[in-house]
Amino acid sequence: MGEQKRKKDTKPEFIFGKKNYKWLFIGLAFIAIGFILMAGGGSDDPNVFDSSIFSWRRIRLAPTLVLIGFGIQIYAILLNPNKHSKK
């Protein structure tokens, strides 16, 4: 009897708060955009060289966006949603 009451009284809590999930989805968006920008640039004919694989977008921009996305993910995991600001 006591165990059923205890299970009834406990409210399920999520590990992360609303703020954490918002930052997680922002980080996922950055990672997805980075991988989308890295895609493509190949050639259908293996005998023809296509220099578009060395474009600034694929070499600099896309990996930077992916790394920023991973950084945002780490921030979202470490963020304390219960911390109240003193403003």
PDB file of N, CA and C in Angstrom:
ATOM      1  N   MET A   1       0.817  -1.202   0.000  1.00  0.00           N
ATOM      2  CA  MET A   1       0.000   0.000   0.000  1.00  0.00           C
ATOM      3  C   MET A   1       0.861   1.266   0.000  1.00  0.00           C
ATOM      4  N   GLY A   2       1.906   1.283   0.826  1.00  0.00           N
ATOM      5  CA  GLY A   2       2.761   2.463   0.918  1.00  0.00           C
ATOM      6  C   GLY A   2       3.527   2.718  -0.369  1.00  0.00           C
ATOM      7  N   GLU A   3       3.937   1.637  -1.057  1.00  0.00           N
ATOM      8  CA  GLU A   3       4.694   1.796  -2.292  1.00  0.00           C
ATOM      9  C   GLU A   3       3.833   2.398  -3.394  1.00  0.00           C
ATOM     10  N   GLN A   4       2.570   1.992  -3.464  1.00  0.00           N
ATOM     11  CA  GLN A   4       1.673   2.551  -4.474  1.00  0.00           C
ATOM     12  C   GLN A   4       1.442   4.034  -4.232  1.00  0.00           C
ATOM     13  N   LYS A   5       1.313   4.429  -2.977  1.00  0.00           N
ATOM     14  CA  LYS A   5       1.101   5.843  -2.663  1.00  0.00           C
ATOM     15  C   LYS A   5       2.344   6.653  -3.017  1.00  0.00           C
ATOM     16  N   ARG A   6       3.510   6.103  -2.731  1.00  0.00           N
ATOM     17  CA  ARG A   6       4.755   6.798  -3.027  1.00  0.00           C
ATOM     18  C   ARG A   6       4.912   6.970  -4.543  1.00  0.00           C
ATOM     19  N   LYS A   7       4.577   5.944  -5.322  1.00  0.00           N
ATOM     20  CA  LYS A   7       4.651   6.052  -6.780  1.00  0.00           C
ATOM     21  C   LYS A   7       3.649   7.070  -7.303  1.00  0.00           C
ATOM     22  N   LYS A   8       2.502   7.149  -6.660  1.00  0.00           N
ATOM     23  CA  LYS A   8       1.464   8.089  -7.076  1.00  0.00           C
ATOM     24  C   LYS A   8       1.891   9.529  -6.777  1.00  0.00           C
ATOM     25  N   ASP A   9       2.565   9.740  -5.655  1.00  0.00           N
ATOM     26  CA  ASP A   9       2.961  11.082  -5.236  1.00  0.00           C
ATOM     27  C   ASP A   9       4.156  11.618  -6.018  1.00  0.00           C
ATOM     28  N   THR A  10       5.007  10.736  -6.496  1.00  0.00           N
ATOM     29  CA  THR A  10       6.178  11.216  -7.218  1.00  0.00           C
ATOM     30  C   THR A  10       5.781  11.667  -8.618  1.00  0.00           C
ATOM     31  N   LYS A  11       6.246  12.817  -8.962  1.00  0.00           N
ATOM     32  CA  LYS A  11       5.958  13.397 -10.272  1.00  0.00           C
ATOM     33  C   LYS A  11       7.169  13.161 -11.172  1.00  0.00           C
ATOM     34  N   PRO A  12       6.983  12.630 -12.374  1.00  0.00           N
ATOM     35  CA  PRO A  12       8.139  12.392 -13.240  1.00  0.00           C
ATOM     36  C   PRO A  12       8.772  13.722 -13.657  1.00  0.00           C
ATOM     37  N   GLU A  13      10.090  13.780 -13.531  1.00  0.00           N
ATOM     38  CA  GLU A  13      10.815  14.997 -13.895  1.00  0.00           C
ATOM     39  C   GLU A  13      11.773  14.687 -15.026  1.00  0.00           C
ATOM     40  N   PHE A  14      11.905  15.625 -15.940  1.00  0.00           N
ATOM     41  CA  PHE A  14      12.864  15.492 -17.013  1.00  0.00           C
ATOM     42  C   PHE A  14      14.249  15.872 -16.490  1.00  0.00           C
ATOM     43  N   ILE A  15      15.254  15.305 -17.099  1.00  0.00           N
ATOM     44  CA  ILE A  15      16.615  15.626 -16.688  1.00  0.00           C
ATOM     45  C   ILE A  15      16.947  17.067 -17.055  1.00  0.00           C
ATOM     46  N   PHE A  16      16.536  17.478 -18.243  1.00  0.00           N
ATOM     47  CA  PHE A  16      16.812  18.824 -18.712  1.00  0.00           C
ATOM     48  C   PHE A  16      15.560  19.670 -18.637  1.00  0.00           C
ATOM     49  N   GLY A  17      15.770  20.975 -18.572  1.00  0.00           N
ATOM     50  CA  GLY A  17      14.655  21.906 -18.584  1.00  0.00           C
ATOM     51  C   GLY A  17      14.355  22.391 -19.992  1.00  0.00           C
ATOM     52  N   LYS A  18      13.382  23.263 -20.086  1.00  0.00           N
ATOM     53  CA  LYS A  18      12.966  23.804 -21.386  1.00  0.00           C
ATOM     54  C   LYS A  18      14.111  24.562 -22.067  1.00  0.00           C
ATOM     55  N   LYS A  19      14.871  25.282 -21.261  1.00  0.00           N
ATOM     56  CA  LYS A  19      15.998  26.054 -21.776  1.00  0.00           C
ATOM     57  C   LYS A  19      17.062  25.126 -22.375  1.00  0.00           C
ATOM     58  N   ASN A  20      17.318  23.993 -21.706  1.00  0.00           N
ATOM     59  CA  ASN A  20      18.302  23.036 -22.207  1.00  0.00           C
ATOM     60  C   ASN A  20      17.881  22.482 -23.566  1.00  0.00           C
ATOM     61  N   TYR A  21      16.619  22.108 -23.680  1.00  0.00           N
ATOM     62  CA  TYR A  21      16.146  21.542 -24.941  1.00  0.00           C
ATOM     63  C   TYR A  21      16.194  22.564 -26.075  1.00  0.00           C
ATOM     64  N   LYS A  22      15.926  23.812 -25.762  1.00  0.00           N
ATOM     65  CA  LYS A  22      16.006  24.863 -26.783  1.00  0.00           C
ATOM     66  C   LYS A  22      17.436  24.942 -27.323  1.00  0.00           C
ATOM     67  N   TRP A  23      18.418  24.950 -26.419  1.00  0.00           N
ATOM     68  CA  TRP A  23      19.815  25.024 -26.857  1.00  0.00           C
ATOM     69  C   TRP A  23      20.253  23.742 -27.560  1.00  0.00           C
ATOM     70  N   LEU A  24      19.727  22.588 -27.134  1.00  0.00           N
ATOM     71  CA  LEU A  24      20.053  21.342 -27.820  1.00  0.00           C
ATOM     72  C   LEU A  24      19.584  21.368 -29.273  1.00  0.00           C
ATOM     73  N   PHE A  25      18.371  21.858 -29.502  1.00  0.00           N
ATOM     74  CA  PHE A  25      17.854  21.915 -30.872  1.00  0.00           C
ATOM     75  C   PHE A  25      18.595  22.952 -31.717  1.00  0.00           C
ATOM     76  N   ILE A  26      19.019  24.048 -31.102  1.00  0.00           N
ATOM     77  CA  ILE A  26      19.817  25.038 -31.832  1.00  0.00           C
ATOM     78  C   ILE A  26      21.147  24.413 -32.252  1.00  0.00           C
ATOM     79  N   GLY A  27      21.773  23.682 -31.339  1.00  0.00           N
ATOM     80  CA  GLY A  27      23.026  23.000 -31.663  1.00  0.00           C
ATOM     81  C   GLY A  27      22.850  21.966 -32.761  1.00  0.00           C
ATOM     82  N   LEU A  28      21.763  21.209 -32.699  1.00  0.00           N
ATOM     83  CA  LEU A  28      21.488  20.230 -33.753  1.00  0.00           C
ATOM     84  C   LEU A  28      21.292  20.905 -35.108  1.00  0.00           C
ATOM     85  N   ALA A  29      20.660  22.063 -35.106  1.00  0.00           N
ATOM     86  CA  ALA A  29      20.458  22.798 -36.357  1.00  0.00           C
ATOM     87  C   ALA A  29      21.801  23.235 -36.943  1.00  0.00           C
ATOM     88  N   PHE A  30      22.716  23.724 -36.089  1.00  0.00           N
ATOM     89  CA  PHE A  30      24.039  24.127 -36.570  1.00  0.00           C
ATOM     90  C   PHE A  30      24.782  22.929 -37.169  1.00  0.00           C
ATOM     91  N   ILE A  31      24.726  21.784 -36.493  1.00  0.00           N
ATOM     92  CA  ILE A  31      25.406  20.590 -36.981  1.00  0.00           C
ATOM     93  C   ILE A  31      24.807  20.140 -38.308  1.00  0.00           C
ATOM     94  N   ALA A  32      23.483  20.138 -38.407  1.00  0.00           N
ATOM     95  CA  ALA A  32      22.828  19.717 -39.644  1.00  0.00           C
ATOM     96  C   ALA A  32      23.170  20.649 -40.797  1.00  0.00           C
ATOM     97  N   ILE A  33      23.149  21.945 -40.556  1.00  0.00           N
ATOM     98  CA  ILE A  33      23.497  22.908 -41.614  1.00  0.00           C
ATOM     99  C   ILE A  33      24.940  22.710 -42.051  1.00  0.00           C
ATOM    100  N   GLY A  34      25.833  22.463 -41.091  1.00  0.00           N
ATOM    101  CA  GLY A  34      27.232  22.230 -41.426  1.00  0.00           C
ATOM    102  C   GLY A  34      27.417  21.014 -42.313  1.00  0.00           C
ATOM    103  N   PHE A  35      26.732  19.911 -41.980  1.00  0.00           N
ATOM    104  CA  PHE A  35      26.869  18.717 -42.803  1.00  0.00           C
ATOM    105  C   PHE A  35      26.209  18.891 -44.167  1.00  0.00           C
ATOM    106  N   ILE A  36      25.134  19.636 -44.234  1.00  0.00           N
ATOM    107  CA  ILE A  36      24.499  19.902 -45.529  1.00  0.00           C
ATOM    108  C   ILE A  36      25.430  20.726 -46.415  1.00  0.00           C
ATOM    109  N   LEU A  37      26.111  21.711 -45.824  1.00  0.00           N
ATOM    110  CA  LEU A  37      27.044  22.529 -46.607  1.00  0.00           C
ATOM    111  C   LEU A  37      28.268  21.727 -47.058  1.00  0.00           C
ATOM    112  N   MET A  38      28.627  20.680 -46.324  1.00  0.00           N
ATOM    113  CA  MET A  38      29.759  19.847 -46.720  1.00  0.00           C
ATOM    114  C   MET A  38      29.407  18.895 -47.861  1.00  0.00           C
ATOM    115  N   ALA A  39      28.153  18.630 -48.068  1.00  0.00           N
ATOM    116  CA  ALA A  39      27.740  17.626 -49.045  1.00  0.00           C
ATOM    117  C   ALA A  39      27.969  18.099 -50.478  1.00  0.00           C
ATOM    118  N   GLY A  40      28.062  17.143 -51.373  1.00  0.00           N
ATOM    119  CA  GLY A  40      28.166  17.449 -52.797  1.00  0.00           C
ATOM    120  C   GLY A  40      29.588  17.686 -53.242  1.00  0.00           C
ATOM    121  N   GLY A  41      29.718  18.184 -54.451  1.00  0.00           N
ATOM    122  CA  GLY A  41      31.023  18.518 -54.993  1.00  0.00           C
ATOM    123  C   GLY A  41      31.702  17.388 -55.731  1.00  0.00           C
ATOM    124  N   GLY A  42      31.029  16.268 -55.861  1.00  0.00           N
ATOM    125  CA  GLY A  42      31.622  15.138 -56.564  1.00  0.00           C
ATOM    126  C   GLY A  42      31.380  15.219 -58.057  1.00  0.00           C
ATOM    127  N   SER A  43      32.009  14.328 -58.770  1.00  0.00           N
ATOM    128  CA  SER A  43      31.837  14.259 -60.216  1.00  0.00           C
ATOM    129  C   SER A  43      31.279  12.890 -60.577  1.00  0.00           C
ATOM    130  N   ASP A  44      30.414  12.843 -61.576  1.00  0.00           N
ATOM    131  CA  ASP A  44      29.850  11.567 -62.016  1.00  0.00           C
ATOM    132  C   ASP A  44      30.888  10.719 -62.744  1.00  0.00           C
ATOM    133  N   ASP A  45      31.801  11.381 -63.431  1.00  0.00           N
ATOM    134  CA  ASP A  45      32.843  10.682 -64.174  1.00  0.00           C
ATOM    135  C   ASP A  45      34.123  10.651 -63.338  1.00  0.00           C
ATOM    136  N   PRO A  46      34.647   9.473 -62.987  1.00  0.00           N
ATOM    137  CA  PRO A  46      35.849   9.419 -62.148  1.00  0.00           C
ATOM    138  C   PRO A  46      37.110   9.918 -62.853  1.00  0.00           C
ATOM    139  N   ASN A  47      37.077  10.075 -64.165  1.00  0.00           N
ATOM    140  CA  ASN A  47      38.243  10.561 -64.900  1.00  0.00           C
ATOM    141  C   ASN A  47      38.314  12.082 -64.953  1.00  0.00           C
ATOM    142  N   VAL A  48      37.263  12.742 -64.486  1.00  0.00           N
ATOM    143  CA  VAL A  48      37.217  14.206 -64.526  1.00  0.00           C
ATOM    144  C   VAL A  48      37.370  14.733 -63.106  1.00  0.00           C
ATOM    145  N   PHE A  49      38.335  15.628 -62.898  1.00  0.00           N
ATOM    146  CA  PHE A  49      38.560  16.218 -61.584  1.00  0.00           C
ATOM    147  C   PHE A  49      37.678  17.444 -61.422  1.00  0.00           C
ATOM    148  N   ASP A  50      37.010  17.519 -60.301  1.00  0.00           N
ATOM    149  CA  ASP A  50      36.145  18.661 -59.991  1.00  0.00           C
ATOM    150  C   ASP A  50      36.746  19.389 -58.784  1.00  0.00           C
ATOM    151  N   SER A  51      37.197  20.598 -59.002  1.00  0.00           N
ATOM    152  CA  SER A  51      37.881  21.334 -57.924  1.00  0.00           C
ATOM    153  C   SER A  51      36.912  21.970 -56.931  1.00  0.00           C
ATOM    154  N   SER A  52      35.617  21.756 -57.091  1.00  0.00           N
ATOM    155  CA  SER A  52      34.667  22.366 -56.165  1.00  0.00           C
ATOM    156  C   SER A  52      34.716  21.717 -54.780  1.00  0.00           C
ATOM    157  N   ILE A  53      35.377  20.573 -54.643  1.00  0.00           N
ATOM    158  CA  ILE A  53      35.500  19.969 -53.315  1.00  0.00           C
ATOM    159  C   ILE A  53      36.427  20.783 -52.425  1.00  0.00           C
ATOM    160  N   PHE A  54      37.224  21.644 -53.010  1.00  0.00           N
ATOM    161  CA  PHE A  54      38.131  22.485 -52.243  1.00  0.00           C
ATOM    162  C   PHE A  54      37.607  23.902 -52.060  1.00  0.00           C
ATOM    163  N   SER A  55      36.309  24.088 -52.156  1.00  0.00           N
ATOM    164  CA  SER A  55      35.749  25.434 -52.016  1.00  0.00           C
ATOM    165  C   SER A  55      35.803  25.884 -50.555  1.00  0.00           C
ATOM    166  N   TRP A  56      35.753  27.181 -50.366  1.00  0.00           N
ATOM    167  CA  TRP A  56      35.810  27.777 -49.026  1.00  0.00           C
ATOM    168  C   TRP A  56      34.668  27.280 -48.162  1.00  0.00           C
ATOM    169  N   ARG A  57      33.531  27.078 -48.779  1.00  0.00           N
ATOM    170  CA  ARG A  57      32.347  26.617 -48.042  1.00  0.00           C
ATOM    171  C   ARG A  57      32.570  25.235 -47.433  1.00  0.00           C
ATOM    172  N   ARG A  58      33.180  24.342 -48.187  1.00  0.00           N
ATOM    173  CA  ARG A  58      33.372  22.965 -47.708  1.00  0.00           C
ATOM    174  C   ARG A  58      34.588  22.815 -46.808  1.00  0.00           C
ATOM    175  N   ILE A  59      35.590  23.651 -46.974  1.00  0.00           N
ATOM    176  CA  ILE A  59      36.829  23.515 -46.201  1.00  0.00           C
ATOM    177  C   ILE A  59      36.776  24.322 -44.911  1.00  0.00           C
ATOM    178  N   ARG A  60      36.187  25.498 -44.920  1.00  0.00           N
ATOM    179  CA  ARG A  60      36.213  26.382 -43.741  1.00  0.00           C
ATOM    180  C   ARG A  60      34.853  26.540 -43.058  1.00  0.00           C
ATOM    181  N   LEU A  61      33.853  26.904 -43.824  1.00  0.00           N
ATOM    182  CA  LEU A  61      32.559  27.266 -43.237  1.00  0.00           C
ATOM    183  C   LEU A  61      31.840  26.068 -42.616  1.00  0.00           C
ATOM    184  N   ALA A  62      31.698  24.992 -43.356  1.00  0.00           N
ATOM    185  CA  ALA A  62      30.927  23.842 -42.873  1.00  0.00           C
ATOM    186  C   ALA A  62      31.541  23.197 -41.625  1.00  0.00           C
ATOM    187  N   PRO A  63      32.851  22.915 -41.590  1.00  0.00           N
ATOM    188  CA  PRO A  63      33.412  22.347 -40.353  1.00  0.00           C
ATOM    189  C   PRO A  63      33.324  23.300 -39.166  1.00  0.00           C
ATOM    190  N   THR A  64      33.429  24.598 -39.430  1.00  0.00           N
ATOM    191  CA  THR A  64      33.293  25.572 -38.345  1.00  0.00           C
ATOM    192  C   THR A  64      31.892  25.539 -37.766  1.00  0.00           C
ATOM    193  N   LEU A  65      30.883  25.454 -38.628  1.00  0.00           N
ATOM    194  CA  LEU A  65      29.504  25.363 -38.142  1.00  0.00           C
ATOM    195  C   LEU A  65      29.268  24.088 -37.339  1.00  0.00           C
ATOM    196  N   VAL A  66      29.867  22.984 -37.768  1.00  0.00           N
ATOM    197  CA  VAL A  66      29.717  21.723 -37.034  1.00  0.00           C
ATOM    198  C   VAL A  66      30.368  21.842 -35.655  1.00  0.00           C
ATOM    199  N   LEU A  67      31.559  22.413 -35.583  1.00  0.00           N
ATOM    200  CA  LEU A  67      32.233  22.575 -34.290  1.00  0.00           C
ATOM    201  C   LEU A  67      31.476  23.529 -33.378  1.00  0.00           C
ATOM    202  N   ILE A  68      30.920  24.597 -33.932  1.00  0.00           N
ATOM    203  CA  ILE A  68      30.097  25.513 -33.130  1.00  0.00           C
ATOM    204  C   ILE A  68      28.869  24.770 -32.612  1.00  0.00           C
ATOM    205  N   GLY A  69      28.269  23.932 -33.456  1.00  0.00           N
ATOM    206  CA  GLY A  69      27.116  23.142 -33.032  1.00  0.00           C
ATOM    207  C   GLY A  69      27.455  22.207 -31.884  1.00  0.00           C
ATOM    208  N   PHE A  70      28.624  21.549 -31.956  1.00  0.00           N
ATOM    209  CA  PHE A  70      29.038  20.676 -30.860  1.00  0.00           C
ATOM    210  C   PHE A  70      29.293  21.481 -29.588  1.00  0.00           C
ATOM    211  N   GLY A  71      29.849  22.672 -29.726  1.00  0.00           N
ATOM    212  CA  GLY A  71      30.048  23.540 -28.572  1.00  0.00           C
ATOM    213  C   GLY A  71      28.724  23.941 -27.933  1.00  0.00           C
ATOM    214  N   ILE A  72      27.738  24.248 -28.757  1.00  0.00           N
ATOM    215  CA  ILE A  72      26.412  24.590 -28.241  1.00  0.00           C
ATOM    216  C   ILE A  72      25.793  23.386 -27.536  1.00  0.00           C
ATOM    217  N   GLN A  73      26.011  22.187 -28.070  1.00  0.00           N
ATOM    218  CA  GLN A  73      25.492  20.979 -27.426  1.00  0.00           C
ATOM    219  C   GLN A  73      26.105  20.794 -26.033  1.00  0.00           C
ATOM    220  N   ILE A  74      27.398  21.010 -25.911  1.00  0.00           N
ATOM    221  CA  ILE A  74      28.053  20.890 -24.605  1.00  0.00           C
ATOM    222  C   ILE A  74      27.507  21.930 -23.647  1.00  0.00           C
ATOM    223  N   TYR A  75      27.336  23.154 -24.137  1.00  0.00           N
ATOM    224  CA  TYR A  75      26.759  24.207 -23.301  1.00  0.00           C
ATOM    225  C   TYR A  75      25.356  23.828 -22.839  1.00  0.00           C
ATOM    226  N   ALA A  76      24.554  23.273 -23.749  1.00  0.00           N
ATOM    227  CA  ALA A  76      23.173  22.904 -23.404  1.00  0.00           C
ATOM    228  C   ALA A  76      23.138  21.802 -22.355  1.00  0.00           C
ATOM    229  N   ILE A  77      24.076  20.879 -22.420  1.00  0.00           N
ATOM    230  CA  ILE A  77      24.107  19.800 -21.443  1.00  0.00           C
ATOM    231  C   ILE A  77      24.532  20.321 -20.071  1.00  0.00           C
ATOM    232  N   LEU A  78      25.488  21.228 -20.044  1.00  0.00           N
ATOM    233  CA  LEU A  78      26.014  21.735 -18.776  1.00  0.00           C
ATOM    234  C   LEU A  78      25.182  22.873 -18.181  1.00  0.00           C
ATOM    235  N   LEU A  79      24.261  23.424 -18.946  1.00  0.00           N
ATOM    236  CA  LEU A  79      23.440  24.538 -18.484  1.00  0.00           C
ATOM    237  C   LEU A  79      22.529  24.099 -17.340  1.00  0.00           C
ATOM    238  N   ASN A  80      22.495  24.891 -16.297  1.00  0.00           N
ATOM    239  CA  ASN A  80      21.634  24.593 -15.154  1.00  0.00           C
ATOM    240  C   ASN A  80      20.326  25.371 -15.330  1.00  0.00           C
ATOM    241  N   PRO A  81      19.219  24.686 -15.632  1.00  0.00           N
ATOM    242  CA  PRO A  81      17.976  25.397 -15.901  1.00  0.00           C
ATOM    243  C   PRO A  81      17.323  25.960 -14.622  1.00  0.00           C
ATOM    244  N   ASN A  82      17.725  25.483 -13.464  1.00  0.00           N
ATOM    245  CA  ASN A  82      17.130  25.926 -12.214  1.00  0.00           C
ATOM    246  C   ASN A  82      17.824  27.138 -11.628  1.00  0.00           C
ATOM    247  N   LYS A  83      18.913  27.575 -12.214  1.00  0.00           N
ATOM    248  CA  LYS A  83      19.640  28.726 -11.716  1.00  0.00           C
ATOM    249  C   LYS A  83      18.864  29.996 -12.035  1.00  0.00           C
ATOM    250  N   HIS A  84      18.572  30.765 -11.018  1.00  0.00           N
ATOM    251  CA  HIS A  84      17.816  32.002 -11.202  1.00  0.00           C
ATOM    252  C   HIS A  84      18.789  33.170 -11.315  1.00  0.00           C
ATOM    253  N   SER A  85      18.567  34.006 -12.294  1.00  0.00           N
ATOM    254  CA  SER A  85      19.424  35.184 -12.460  1.00  0.00           C
ATOM    255  C   SER A  85      18.999  36.261 -11.474  1.00  0.00           C
ATOM    256  N   LYS A  86      19.967  37.087 -11.068  1.00  0.00           N
ATOM    257  CA  LYS A  86      19.707  38.123 -10.053  1.00  0.00           C
ATOM    258  C   LYS A  86      19.510  39.484 -10.697  1.00  0.00           C
ATOM    259  N   LYS A  87      18.849  39.546 -11.808  1.00  0.00           N
ATOM    260  CA  LYS A  87      18.626  40.838 -12.469  1.00  0.00           C
ATOM    261  C   LYS A  87      17.451  41.537 -11.883  1.00  0.00           C
TER     262      LYS A  87
END
